[in-house]
């Protein structure tokens, strides 16, 4: 510089490293995606969104904390139209009689019609069943109708004739005896 106290130029120089070592960067989450479609058009439903874990350069962490998906349940979903439906059948009621031809009934109820569905259940709310093998009813023996009068005992003078009837019945342990006689006699009044 020849004796002058002022030198031209800078007293420092900067050099850029052509291949610098990289700095560790931990993995990180991308932004959340848009919410997906609802899982159902009505009633209980949810939808999901996702994100991607990226990064982990130069020896940084390869793990993102948290989940890569999020699910949201619809707090006020639209109700689903439900037509009315029958309940299960109730128990069979008592038989209409203790013996002989008889039947019994059971019932069901119509429920539903949510969100504008049908209020009518198809079919009947009543079911009837006839007993295929009802117990027989005790029947006491009974007389048949009287038979025709028989011939007169004589052709003239005091005479009589007779008619008969039969005793039938005693079903299912009923009485085997018919009260009265199986024979009727009549005297000719003339």
Protein backbone atom coordinates (compact mmCIF):
# COMPACT_ATOMS: atom_id res chain seq x y z
CA UNK A 1 0.00 0.00 0.00
CA UNK A 2 3.00 2.33 -0.08
CA UNK A 3 2.80 4.07 3.18
CA UNK A 4 -0.81 5.12 2.93
CA UNK A 5 -3.03 4.03 5.81
CA UNK A 6 -6.01 3.42 3.56
CA UNK A 7 -6.12 0.26 1.53
CA UNK A 8 -8.59 -0.31 -1.20
CA UNK A 9 -10.89 -3.36 -1.11
CA UNK A 10 -12.23 -5.37 1.79
CA UNK A 11 -10.23 -6.76 4.60
CA UNK A 12 -12.42 -10.01 4.61
CA UNK A 13 -13.50 -12.52 2.00
CA UNK A 14 -16.58 -14.87 1.97
CA UNK A 15 -16.61 -18.25 0.28
CA UNK A 16 -19.75 -20.36 -0.27
CA UNK A 17 -19.38 -24.08 0.40
CA UNK A 18 -20.17 -25.92 -2.80
CA UNK A 19 -21.23 -29.10 -0.83
CA UNK A 20 -22.34 -28.03 2.62
CA UNK A 21 -23.46 -30.74 5.15
CA UNK A 22 -27.30 -30.83 5.54
CA UNK A 23 -29.12 -29.94 8.74
CA UNK A 24 -31.33 -32.65 10.35
CA UNK A 25 -35.07 -32.01 9.75
CA UNK A 26 -37.70 -34.02 11.65
CA UNK A 27 -40.72 -35.48 9.81
CA UNK A 28 -43.79 -33.22 9.75
CA UNK A 29 -47.48 -33.49 8.86
CA UNK A 30 -48.96 -32.11 5.69
CA UNK A 31 -52.18 -30.09 5.91
CA UNK A 32 -55.39 -32.08 6.47
CA UNK A 33 -57.25 -33.16 3.33
CA UNK A 34 -60.88 -32.13 2.83
CA UNK A 35 -63.50 -34.21 4.71
CA UNK A 36 -64.62 -37.29 2.74
CA UNK A 37 -68.24 -38.17 1.99
CA UNK A 38 -70.56 -39.19 4.84
CA UNK A 39 -70.71 -42.96 5.43
CA UNK A 40 -74.53 -42.95 5.14
CA UNK A 41 -77.15 -40.60 3.74
CA UNK A 42 -79.13 -40.53 7.01
CA UNK A 43 -79.03 -41.78 10.57
CA UNK A 44 -75.81 -42.41 12.48
CA UNK A 45 -72.91 -41.60 10.17
CA UNK A 46 -69.34 -40.26 10.04
CA UNK A 47 -66.72 -39.01 7.62
CA UNK A 48 -62.91 -39.02 7.52
CA UNK A 49 -59.99 -36.84 6.45
CA UNK A 50 -56.27 -37.65 6.22
CA UNK A 51 -52.78 -36.13 6.16
CA UNK A 52 -49.30 -37.32 5.12
CA UNK A 53 -46.13 -37.56 7.17
CA UNK A 54 -43.15 -36.06 5.22
CA UNK A 55 -39.60 -35.00 5.99
CA UNK A 56 -36.99 -36.98 7.92
CA UNK A 57 -34.06 -35.50 5.95
CA UNK A 58 -30.45 -35.63 7.11
CA UNK A 59 -31.07 -38.05 9.92
CA UNK A 60 -34.08 -36.28 11.43
CA UNK A 61 -36.95 -38.19 13.05
CA UNK A 62 -38.94 -40.35 10.65
CA UNK A 63 -42.00 -40.40 12.90
CA UNK A 64 -44.81 -37.82 13.03
CA UNK A 65 -46.66 -37.75 16.33
CA UNK A 66 -50.41 -38.28 16.19
CA UNK A 67 -52.62 -40.03 13.65
CA UNK A 68 -52.70 -39.73 9.88
CA UNK A 69 -56.53 -39.81 9.86
CA UNK A 70 -59.37 -38.13 11.73
CA UNK A 71 -63.00 -39.27 11.92
CA UNK A 72 -65.96 -37.06 12.78
CA UNK A 73 -69.44 -38.28 13.72
CA UNK A 74 -72.40 -36.24 12.53
CA UNK A 75 -73.89 -34.63 15.64
CA UNK A 76 -77.26 -33.93 13.98
CA UNK A 77 -77.72 -36.39 11.12
CA UNK A 78 -80.93 -36.33 9.07
CA UNK A 79 -83.33 -39.05 10.20
CA UNK A 80 -83.96 -42.02 7.93
CA UNK A 81 -87.47 -42.69 6.64
CA UNK A 82 -88.73 -45.87 8.32
CA UNK A 83 -92.01 -47.52 7.44
CA UNK A 84 -94.15 -48.90 10.24
CA UNK A 85 -93.27 -52.46 11.26
CA UNK A 86 -94.97 -55.17 13.28
CA UNK A 87 -93.78 -56.09 16.74
CA UNK A 88 -93.14 -59.76 17.44
CA UNK A 89 -96.28 -61.80 18.08
CA UNK A 90 -97.54 -61.85 21.65
CA UNK A 91 -98.18 -65.10 23.51
CA UNK A 92 -101.19 -67.20 22.56
CA UNK A 93 -104.26 -66.41 24.63
CA UNK A 94 -106.35 -68.99 26.49
CA UNK A 95 -108.33 -71.55 24.50
CA UNK A 96 -111.91 -70.50 23.77
CA UNK A 97 -113.22 -73.69 25.46
CA UNK A 98 -111.78 -76.34 27.76
CA UNK A 99 -112.71 -79.20 25.41
CA UNK A 100 -114.11 -79.94 21.97
CA UNK A 101 -113.50 -77.76 18.89
CA UNK A 102 -111.71 -74.63 20.09
CA UNK A 103 -109.32 -71.87 19.09
CA UNK A 104 -107.08 -69.22 20.59
CA UNK A 105 -105.69 -65.85 19.48
CA UNK A 106 -102.47 -63.86 19.66
CA UNK A 107 -101.82 -60.17 18.87
CA UNK A 108 -99.06 -57.89 17.61
CA UNK A 109 -98.66 -54.09 17.45
CA UNK A 110 -97.79 -51.78 14.57
CA UNK A 111 -94.89 -49.40 15.34
CA UNK A 112 -92.81 -46.93 13.36
CA UNK A 113 -93.58 -44.35 10.68
CA UNK A 114 -90.40 -42.33 11.45
CA UNK A 115 -89.47 -39.39 9.20
CA UNK A 116 -92.53 -39.64 6.99
CA UNK A 117 -92.54 -43.41 6.48
CA UNK A 118 -95.72 -45.42 6.02
CA UNK A 119 -98.00 -45.57 9.07
CA UNK A 120 -99.64 -48.81 7.93
CA UNK A 121 -98.33 -52.31 8.62
CA UNK A 122 -99.38 -54.88 6.00
CA UNK A 123 -101.44 -57.81 7.24
CA UNK A 124 -103.49 -58.33 10.38
CA UNK A 125 -102.67 -57.65 14.01
CA UNK A 126 -104.53 -60.84 15.00
CA UNK A 127 -103.71 -64.51 14.41
CA UNK A 128 -106.12 -67.34 15.22
CA UNK A 129 -105.26 -71.00 15.63
CA UNK A 130 -107.63 -73.96 15.83
CA UNK A 131 -106.64 -76.80 18.15
CA UNK A 132 -105.83 -79.75 15.85
CA UNK A 133 -106.32 -82.30 18.67
CA UNK A 134 -108.67 -80.81 21.24
CA UNK A 135 -109.50 -82.87 24.32
CA UNK A 136 -112.91 -84.47 24.05
CA UNK A 137 -115.70 -83.25 26.28
CA UNK A 138 -117.37 -85.71 28.69
CA UNK A 139 -120.84 -86.53 27.35
CA UNK A 140 -123.35 -88.46 29.42
CA UNK A 141 -125.28 -91.25 27.71
CA UNK A 142 -128.53 -90.09 26.05
CA UNK A 143 -131.63 -91.81 24.71
CA UNK A 144 -132.29 -92.12 21.02
CA UNK A 145 -135.70 -91.03 19.73
CA UNK A 146 -138.45 -93.55 20.35
CA UNK A 147 -138.92 -96.22 17.70
CA UNK A 148 -142.29 -96.84 16.02
CA UNK A 149 -145.04 -98.57 18.01
CA UNK A 150 -145.02 -102.32 17.57
CA UNK A 151 -148.06 -104.42 16.61
CA UNK A 152 -150.98 -104.74 19.06
CA UNK A 153 -150.70 -107.71 21.39
CA UNK A 154 -154.12 -109.03 20.24
CA UNK A 155 -156.46 -108.33 17.39
CA UNK A 156 -159.40 -107.64 19.70
CA UNK A 157 -160.29 -107.03 23.33
CA UNK A 158 -157.97 -105.44 25.85
CA UNK A 159 -154.62 -105.13 24.20
CA UNK A 160 -151.31 -103.17 24.27
CA UNK A 161 -148.32 -102.44 22.16
CA UNK A 162 -144.69 -101.42 22.81
CA UNK A 163 -142.02 -99.16 21.44
CA UNK A 164 -138.25 -99.04 22.17
CA UNK A 165 -135.36 -96.61 22.35
CA UNK A 166 -131.57 -97.08 22.69
CA UNK A 167 -129.07 -95.61 25.16
CA UNK A 168 -126.05 -93.97 23.43
CA UNK A 169 -123.08 -91.96 24.57
CA UNK A 170 -120.73 -92.11 27.53
CA UNK A 171 -117.99 -90.27 25.57
CA UNK A 172 -114.81 -89.14 27.33
CA UNK A 173 -115.75 -90.56 30.69
CA UNK A 174 -119.37 -89.39 30.81
CA UNK A 175 -122.13 -91.45 32.48
CA UNK A 176 -122.94 -94.76 30.78
CA UNK A 177 -126.44 -94.89 32.20
CA UNK A 178 -129.53 -93.29 30.65
CA UNK A 179 -132.23 -92.41 33.22
CA UNK A 180 -135.60 -94.09 32.71
CA UNK A 181 -136.63 -97.15 30.72
CA UNK A 182 -135.86 -98.19 27.19
CA UNK A 183 -139.41 -99.53 26.80
CA UNK A 184 -142.79 -97.76 26.64
CA UNK A 185 -146.12 -99.65 26.74
CA UNK A 186 -149.48 -98.31 25.68
CA UNK A 187 -152.90 -99.89 26.34
CA UNK A 188 -155.59 -99.55 23.67
CA UNK A 189 -158.16 -97.11 25.15
CA UNK A 190 -161.03 -98.49 23.05
